[in-house]
C-alpha cells in the first residue's frame, strides 16, 4: 500500500566553540610505519526541517551482519534486523575518537551525524523493511513485469497530468493516461496482448506530463535501463528504450567474482576511447582486445569510466543523464555484462566510476527535465544556488529527500547485482561533503576547516548509508572516494563513526609531480618534499596512489611522458637510433616517478589507460572546438606493440613493478619506513615490507658503495632494477651479486644506528635509477626460488642482466607473455630517420 513518512532533522547536540578547534593532531602510530603521516581533518550542524514522501511496497526484512567495532551499537549501525533500541549512551562511545584523539573537540559533530544515520535507518526499517529492501526501488519504479502486464511507476509530484508514450502507441498517449497518488507517484498498467508484451523489447518510450503552467513536456523515464539517440541527426534528443530481452538474448554470467586482493592495482579505463582507431570503441571490443593487455601487465582491478549514460560525450561521463542506463555509444546492457564476465574470467575485478555528486543540467535527456520549478521536497535537486554547481554547470541532489535516497541507493544496488560490478569509485566526493563544494577552498589540514557549518551532513549521512549498503550486499566490495579535502574518518568504518570508504584517492601526489615537471629543474627537486608528499596520509585510512590519471591528460595539459620528452617523442623513440639526452631522461624519470608513487604513496595503485607505456600528447574529446575530431580521443596501442619503439620499455617496467607487488605484497604491507632523504645526493631510501628501495634522482652522480640502512640482517639481492636492459636502461647494476649486511651501533638503541636502522649494506646506485633489494632466505637455497635465480641470470658485456625483473627469483613461469605482434617490415636505414606519426594509428607507425 502507499503511505507517507515525515521526519525532522534532529537539532545539533551541541557545538564546539571556535577556540576549541585544533590544528592537525599527531597520534600514536605503529613504529614500523611512516612517521610523518599527519591527520587532516571536519563539524557540521544542520537543523533544517526535512520532509519526505515515500512509495511503500510490502517487503520482508533481510538479515545481514558485519564485524563489530562498537559491539553495542554495531547492530543498529550495520544490521537492518536490529530492534532499534535506544542507543544514546552507546553513541557517546565513538570509535574514531580512539583512533584519532585529536578529533575529541568535535565529538558533538560525530554524535549528531551518527544519530542522523541511525534515525534514518530506523525509518527505513519501520516503513520499508530495512535499508536493503529500500534499495530495491528498481523492482517497483520504472518498467517492471507484474502478472502478465507491464507496470510503470514514476515519481513526478510537480506533474498535473501524465501519459506514457512511445513506439507502441504511435507516440499518442491519449489512451495511456497515468494515475497519480497523494505522494506524487504516477502509475500505469499496460496489459499484454494475446500473451505478447504490448511494449516490445527495444522499443522507444517516454514520460509525457503537464506541469503547472499548462505546458506538456516529454521526458526520458528516470529509472530507464537503456537510452539511445539517432546518430544520423546532429544534436538529436535521446529516447528511453524499454529493455526486456527474451531469455535467449539475456546474457548469463559464467564466471564468479575474483577474490578480493590484498591491495588493488587499478587500471583506469574509458571504453569509448580505448580503440586505436578514431572512433568510439565497444564493450565487446574492449573485452576482447584491451582486457588481455591489462591482465598481461599484472593489474588485478579495472575501473571503468563513463558507464552511466551521458548525452554529452566530452563530459568524460561525468554529466550523467540516465543513471540506470549503460552508455549506448559502446553497446547494449548485455554487451557490458559480457565485458564484466570476461574480466572476471581473467581474474580481474571491475569497479564502476559512479557519479552521485551531481547530475547533468540537460533538461531534454536527463533527470533535470523533471524539475519544472517545484519545491525541493518535490524534486530530485535543491532549489536556487544550493541546487546548482557553478563550476560544473550541473544540478545538485537533495540528499535529505526520501525519494532521492531511494533513487541513489537503488542505483548502487542495481549496478552491483544486475551487472556484477565489484565496487565503486565515487566521483566528486569533496563537492558532496561541503556546502561550498570545495570551490576556491584551500584545505590546510586544520580540523576546523572540515567540521563546521560548511559540512553538508545530509550528504555525509547518504554516503554512510551507501557504504553500509554496498558492504552488506557485497562484503568484499572495494569502494573508493575521490576527495581532495582529506576529511578525517572518510576511510574508517561506519560503525566507528566514519563514512565507510575502503580507500581515498591520494590526489595531492599527481599535483606534486606536475608542479615539479613544469616548474622545477631536476637539481631543484627536494627529496624530503617528494617523500613527504607521498607519505602524507592519515594513519589507518588507506589511500590509492597514482602519478597521473585521466585528469592530468585532459586537453590543456599533457601526460607525464609528454611533459618529460615533448616533441622528441615524435622522432626520438626508435631503438634503431641512439637516445637523445631528453629521451634518456624521460624514460628514466617516467619509470622512477610511477614506481616511487606506487611503492611509497599508498595501499593501492592506479594507472590510467595508456600511461603505462608513456602514451604521448593529451586527451581531447570530439567537440566543436576541434572540428569533432577523435584523433586525441583514442589509445595508440600500435606504439607499444611496435618492437623497435622505446614505448615497450616503459610498458615492461610497469608490468614488472606490478608483478613485484604480486609476489611481495608491498602495497598491503604496513611496514613503511623512510630511512634517508639525502638532498645533496638526491637519494631516497625506504623500506616497504622487507624490501629495500633505493631511488637516485641525481641527474649525473652515480654512487658506488652507497650505504643503505635496513631492518633485518642477512643477504640481499636485486629484485627490480629500472636500469636493466629490458627496461631501456644501461645494465649497470649487477644482479648476481650478494649484498651482506653489517650491524650498526648498539642493538635496540636507534640513535646509535645508521639512519635509525640496525643494519646496513652497500650498493651501486647509478644516476636516475631505482633498484629494489630483497632478503634471501638462506634456508631456501635449494628451493625453486634459488634454482630460478641461477638459471635466468646471464652475462651481457660483462654486466649481469635479466629477462624482465632483475633476479627472476620469484618469476618462474608466472610472467605473462607479451601479446602477439604483427611482423613489421622495417628497413633499418629508414628506421634511423624514423618519425612517429601520431595522426594515424597503423602497424607501420
Foldseek 3Di string as FASTA:
>chain_A
DFDFDFDWQDFQPDDFDPVLFFFWDDDDDDPQFAPQAIAFAAAATDGDGFTATDGEDDDAADFFADDFPQVVCRCLLFTLPDPLDDCLVVLLQFQLCVVPVSCVSRSSRLSRLLVVLSVVQVVCCVGHNGLQRLLQCLCPAAWDDDPQKIKHKAAQQQFPWKFKAWPLVPRDGPVGTWDADPRRMTMTIGHADPSHYSADAFTFMWMWTAGDVGDIATEAGQQAAAWDADPVDPPGAITGGRHDDDPVPAADQDFDAFFQDLFFAEEEEEQQFAALDLGGEALQCCLVPVLVLCVLLQGAEYEYWQQAADPDVQVSNQAHAHLNYGHPRRHHPRSLLVSQSSNRVSNHAYAYAHEQAFHHCDLHYHQVVSCPPDALLSHQFHDDPLQADPVVRTGGGDLSYSVNLSSVLSSVVSCCPVRVHQEYEYPQVCLLQFSVSCVPDDAPRGHHVHRDNRGDSSSLSSLLSNLSNSCRVPVSGAYEYAHPRSHPQCQPHVSSSHSRHVEYELVVQLVVVVCCLVPHDLLPDFLCVNLCSQSHHHPPGWYAFENDAQVQFAPPHWQLLCSQQPPCLQWAFFLLADHDLSRVLSLLVLLVSGLCRQLRRTLYYYDYPQVQLPFTHGAYAQDVVVPGTSLRSHHQVLQCQQVRGLSVLSNLSSSLSSVVCVQQVQSSASRKYWLDRDSVQNWTWIDRRQKIKIFGADQFDKDFFAKDAGADFAKKFWFAKCQFVSNVHDLPFAGVDIWGKDAFADPPPQVRGRSSHGIMTTGIGGHSMMIMMHHDDVVCCVPQLVVQQVVFWDDDPNGIAGDRTGRCSPVPPVNNDDDDHDDDDDDSVVSNRGGHDSRHRDNPD
